[in-house]
């Protein structure tokens, strides 16, 4: 058997190319022992289809790749 390569495809337009998009934010909250705010720095990664601009999380892509593996094993 030769090699087979399956791609994760955008479910809106079937494109296989994506760009990484970052979002940077700070989340502020209080603590019981102080009136001061503390914060957490958050960086969100999303992957954007280069054709239709729909975005996917890393988890959604991993689930899509797992589905490709399951379908290939059934054949």
N, C-alpha and C. Protein backbone atom coordinates (compact mmCIF):
# COMPACT_ATOMS: atom_id res chain seq x y z
N UNK A 1 0.84 -1.18 0.00
CA UNK A 1 0.00 0.00 0.00
C UNK A 1 0.89 1.24 0.00
N UNK A 2 0.56 2.21 -0.82
CA UNK A 2 1.32 3.45 -0.89
C UNK A 2 0.89 4.42 0.19
N UNK A 3 1.43 5.60 0.12
CA UNK A 3 1.08 6.64 1.08
C UNK A 3 -0.24 7.30 0.70
N UNK A 4 -0.96 7.70 1.73
CA UNK A 4 -2.20 8.47 1.55
C UNK A 4 -2.09 9.68 2.46
N UNK A 5 -2.39 10.84 1.94
CA UNK A 5 -2.36 12.06 2.75
C UNK A 5 -3.73 12.70 2.74
N UNK A 6 -4.33 12.81 3.92
CA UNK A 6 -5.62 13.47 4.08
C UNK A 6 -5.38 14.82 4.77
N UNK A 7 -6.12 15.82 4.38
CA UNK A 7 -5.99 17.15 4.97
C UNK A 7 -7.23 17.50 5.76
N UNK A 8 -7.04 18.27 6.84
CA UNK A 8 -8.16 18.91 7.51
C UNK A 8 -8.63 20.00 6.56
N UNK A 9 -9.92 20.02 6.28
CA UNK A 9 -10.49 21.00 5.36
C UNK A 9 -11.48 21.90 6.09
N UNK A 10 -11.52 23.14 5.68
CA UNK A 10 -12.52 24.07 6.20
C UNK A 10 -13.90 23.52 5.87
N UNK A 11 -14.77 23.43 6.87
CA UNK A 11 -16.10 22.85 6.63
C UNK A 11 -17.03 23.81 5.89
N UNK A 12 -16.59 25.06 5.69
CA UNK A 12 -17.41 26.02 4.95
C UNK A 12 -17.07 26.05 3.46
N UNK A 13 -15.77 25.87 3.12
CA UNK A 13 -15.39 26.03 1.71
C UNK A 13 -14.43 24.95 1.20
N UNK A 14 -14.08 23.97 2.04
CA UNK A 14 -13.18 22.86 1.68
C UNK A 14 -11.75 23.29 1.36
N UNK A 15 -11.33 24.45 1.83
CA UNK A 15 -9.95 24.90 1.67
C UNK A 15 -9.07 24.19 2.68
N UNK A 16 -7.81 23.94 2.33
CA UNK A 16 -6.89 23.27 3.25
C UNK A 16 -5.83 24.19 3.84
N UNK A 17 -5.84 25.47 3.47
CA UNK A 17 -4.82 26.40 3.93
C UNK A 17 -5.36 27.33 5.01
N UNK A 18 -4.54 27.52 6.06
CA UNK A 18 -4.94 28.31 7.22
C UNK A 18 -3.80 29.21 7.67
N UNK A 19 -4.15 30.36 8.24
CA UNK A 19 -3.19 31.26 8.88
C UNK A 19 -3.44 31.25 10.37
N UNK A 20 -2.37 31.39 11.14
CA UNK A 20 -2.48 31.46 12.59
C UNK A 20 -2.84 32.89 12.99
N UNK A 21 -3.87 33.03 13.83
CA UNK A 21 -4.33 34.33 14.31
C UNK A 21 -4.24 34.33 15.83
N UNK A 22 -3.61 35.36 16.39
CA UNK A 22 -3.47 35.48 17.84
C UNK A 22 -4.37 36.59 18.37
N UNK A 23 -4.92 36.38 19.57
CA UNK A 23 -5.63 37.41 20.32
C UNK A 23 -4.92 37.54 21.66
N UNK A 24 -4.63 38.78 22.06
CA UNK A 24 -3.95 39.04 23.33
C UNK A 24 -4.89 39.82 24.23
N UNK A 25 -4.98 39.39 25.49
CA UNK A 25 -5.87 40.09 26.41
C UNK A 25 -5.36 39.94 27.84
N UNK A 26 -5.91 40.78 28.71
CA UNK A 26 -5.67 40.69 30.14
C UNK A 26 -7.01 40.44 30.82
N UNK A 27 -7.04 39.52 31.76
CA UNK A 27 -8.25 39.24 32.53
C UNK A 27 -8.00 39.72 33.96
N UNK A 28 -8.79 40.69 34.41
CA UNK A 28 -8.63 41.27 35.74
C UNK A 28 -9.63 40.65 36.71
N UNK A 29 -9.18 40.44 37.95
CA UNK A 29 -10.08 39.94 38.99
C UNK A 29 -9.54 40.34 40.36
N UNK A 30 -10.40 40.28 41.33
CA UNK A 30 -10.01 40.64 42.69
C UNK A 30 -9.68 39.38 43.48
N UNK A 31 -9.03 39.60 44.59
CA UNK A 31 -8.73 38.50 45.52
C UNK A 31 -9.30 38.86 46.89
N UNK A 32 -9.58 37.89 47.70
CA UNK A 32 -10.24 38.10 49.00
C UNK A 32 -9.44 38.98 49.96
N UNK A 33 -8.14 38.91 49.92
CA UNK A 33 -7.33 39.59 50.92
C UNK A 33 -6.86 40.98 50.51
N UNK A 34 -7.31 41.48 49.35
CA UNK A 34 -6.83 42.79 48.90
C UNK A 34 -7.89 43.48 48.05
N UNK A 35 -7.84 44.80 48.02
CA UNK A 35 -8.73 45.56 47.15
C UNK A 35 -8.11 45.76 45.77
N UNK A 36 -6.87 45.39 45.63
CA UNK A 36 -6.19 45.55 44.34
C UNK A 36 -6.64 44.48 43.35
N UNK A 37 -6.61 44.86 42.11
CA UNK A 37 -6.90 43.91 41.03
C UNK A 37 -5.63 43.15 40.67
N UNK A 38 -5.78 41.90 40.37
CA UNK A 38 -4.68 41.15 39.78
C UNK A 38 -5.14 40.73 38.39
N UNK A 39 -4.18 40.33 37.57
CA UNK A 39 -4.56 40.02 36.20
C UNK A 39 -3.80 38.80 35.69
N UNK A 40 -4.37 38.19 34.69
CA UNK A 40 -3.76 37.09 33.96
C UNK A 40 -3.63 37.53 32.51
N UNK A 41 -2.49 37.25 31.91
CA UNK A 41 -2.31 37.52 30.49
C UNK A 41 -2.77 36.29 29.71
N UNK A 42 -3.63 36.49 28.73
CA UNK A 42 -4.16 35.39 27.93
C UNK A 42 -3.77 35.57 26.47
N UNK A 43 -3.37 34.49 25.86
CA UNK A 43 -3.08 34.50 24.43
C UNK A 43 -3.89 33.37 23.80
N UNK A 44 -4.83 33.73 22.95
CA UNK A 44 -5.67 32.75 22.26
C UNK A 44 -5.14 32.55 20.85
N UNK A 45 -5.02 31.29 20.45
CA UNK A 45 -4.61 30.97 19.09
C UNK A 45 -5.81 30.42 18.33
N UNK A 46 -6.02 30.94 17.15
CA UNK A 46 -7.07 30.45 16.26
C UNK A 46 -6.45 30.31 14.88
N UNK A 47 -7.05 29.46 14.09
CA UNK A 47 -6.57 29.22 12.74
C UNK A 47 -7.64 29.68 11.77
N UNK A 48 -7.27 30.58 10.84
CA UNK A 48 -8.23 31.19 9.94
C UNK A 48 -8.03 30.65 8.52
N UNK A 49 -9.13 30.22 7.93
CA UNK A 49 -9.12 29.75 6.55
C UNK A 49 -8.68 30.90 5.65
N UNK A 50 -7.77 30.63 4.74
CA UNK A 50 -7.27 31.69 3.86
C UNK A 50 -8.27 32.05 2.77
N UNK A 51 -9.27 31.22 2.55
CA UNK A 51 -10.24 31.48 1.49
C UNK A 51 -11.48 32.20 2.02
N UNK A 52 -12.19 31.61 3.00
CA UNK A 52 -13.45 32.19 3.47
C UNK A 52 -13.33 32.93 4.81
N UNK A 53 -12.14 32.85 5.44
CA UNK A 53 -11.84 33.56 6.71
C UNK A 53 -12.51 32.97 7.95
N UNK A 54 -13.15 31.80 7.83
CA UNK A 54 -13.71 31.15 9.02
C UNK A 54 -12.56 30.73 9.93
N UNK A 55 -12.78 30.82 11.25
CA UNK A 55 -11.72 30.46 12.19
C UNK A 55 -12.06 29.17 12.93
N UNK A 56 -11.00 28.48 13.34
CA UNK A 56 -11.11 27.22 14.07
C UNK A 56 -10.15 27.25 15.25
N UNK A 57 -10.53 26.61 16.34
CA UNK A 57 -9.62 26.46 17.48
C UNK A 57 -8.71 25.27 17.21
N UNK A 58 -7.65 25.20 17.96
CA UNK A 58 -6.74 24.05 17.84
C UNK A 58 -7.49 22.75 18.18
N UNK A 59 -8.38 22.82 19.16
CA UNK A 59 -9.16 21.65 19.56
C UNK A 59 -10.05 21.17 18.41
N UNK A 60 -10.69 22.10 17.70
CA UNK A 60 -11.55 21.73 16.56
C UNK A 60 -10.74 21.06 15.46
N UNK A 61 -9.54 21.55 15.22
CA UNK A 61 -8.69 20.95 14.20
C UNK A 61 -8.23 19.57 14.63
N UNK A 62 -7.84 19.42 15.90
CA UNK A 62 -7.42 18.11 16.41
C UNK A 62 -8.57 17.10 16.30
N UNK A 63 -9.79 17.53 16.62
CA UNK A 63 -10.94 16.64 16.50
C UNK A 63 -11.19 16.25 15.04
N UNK A 64 -11.01 17.20 14.13
CA UNK A 64 -11.16 16.91 12.71
C UNK A 64 -10.13 15.92 12.21
N UNK A 65 -8.88 16.05 12.67
CA UNK A 65 -7.84 15.10 12.29
C UNK A 65 -8.10 13.72 12.88
N UNK A 66 -8.62 13.67 14.10
CA UNK A 66 -8.99 12.38 14.70
C UNK A 66 -10.08 11.69 13.90
N UNK A 67 -11.03 12.47 13.40
CA UNK A 67 -12.09 11.92 12.57
C UNK A 67 -11.53 11.35 11.26
N UNK A 68 -10.56 12.03 10.68
CA UNK A 68 -9.92 11.51 9.46
C UNK A 68 -9.26 10.16 9.75
N UNK A 69 -8.59 10.03 10.89
CA UNK A 69 -7.96 8.76 11.26
C UNK A 69 -9.00 7.65 11.42
N UNK A 70 -10.12 7.98 12.10
CA UNK A 70 -11.17 6.97 12.30
C UNK A 70 -11.74 6.50 10.96
N UNK A 71 -12.00 7.44 10.07
CA UNK A 71 -12.56 7.07 8.75
C UNK A 71 -11.58 6.23 7.95
N UNK A 72 -10.30 6.56 8.00
CA UNK A 72 -9.29 5.82 7.24
C UNK A 72 -9.14 4.40 7.78
N UNK A 73 -9.22 4.24 9.11
CA UNK A 73 -9.08 2.90 9.71
C UNK A 73 -10.25 2.00 9.37
N UNK A 74 -11.44 2.57 9.15
CA UNK A 74 -12.62 1.77 8.83
C UNK A 74 -12.56 1.18 7.43
N UNK A 75 -11.79 1.77 6.54
CA UNK A 75 -11.73 1.31 5.14
C UNK A 75 -10.97 0.05 4.98
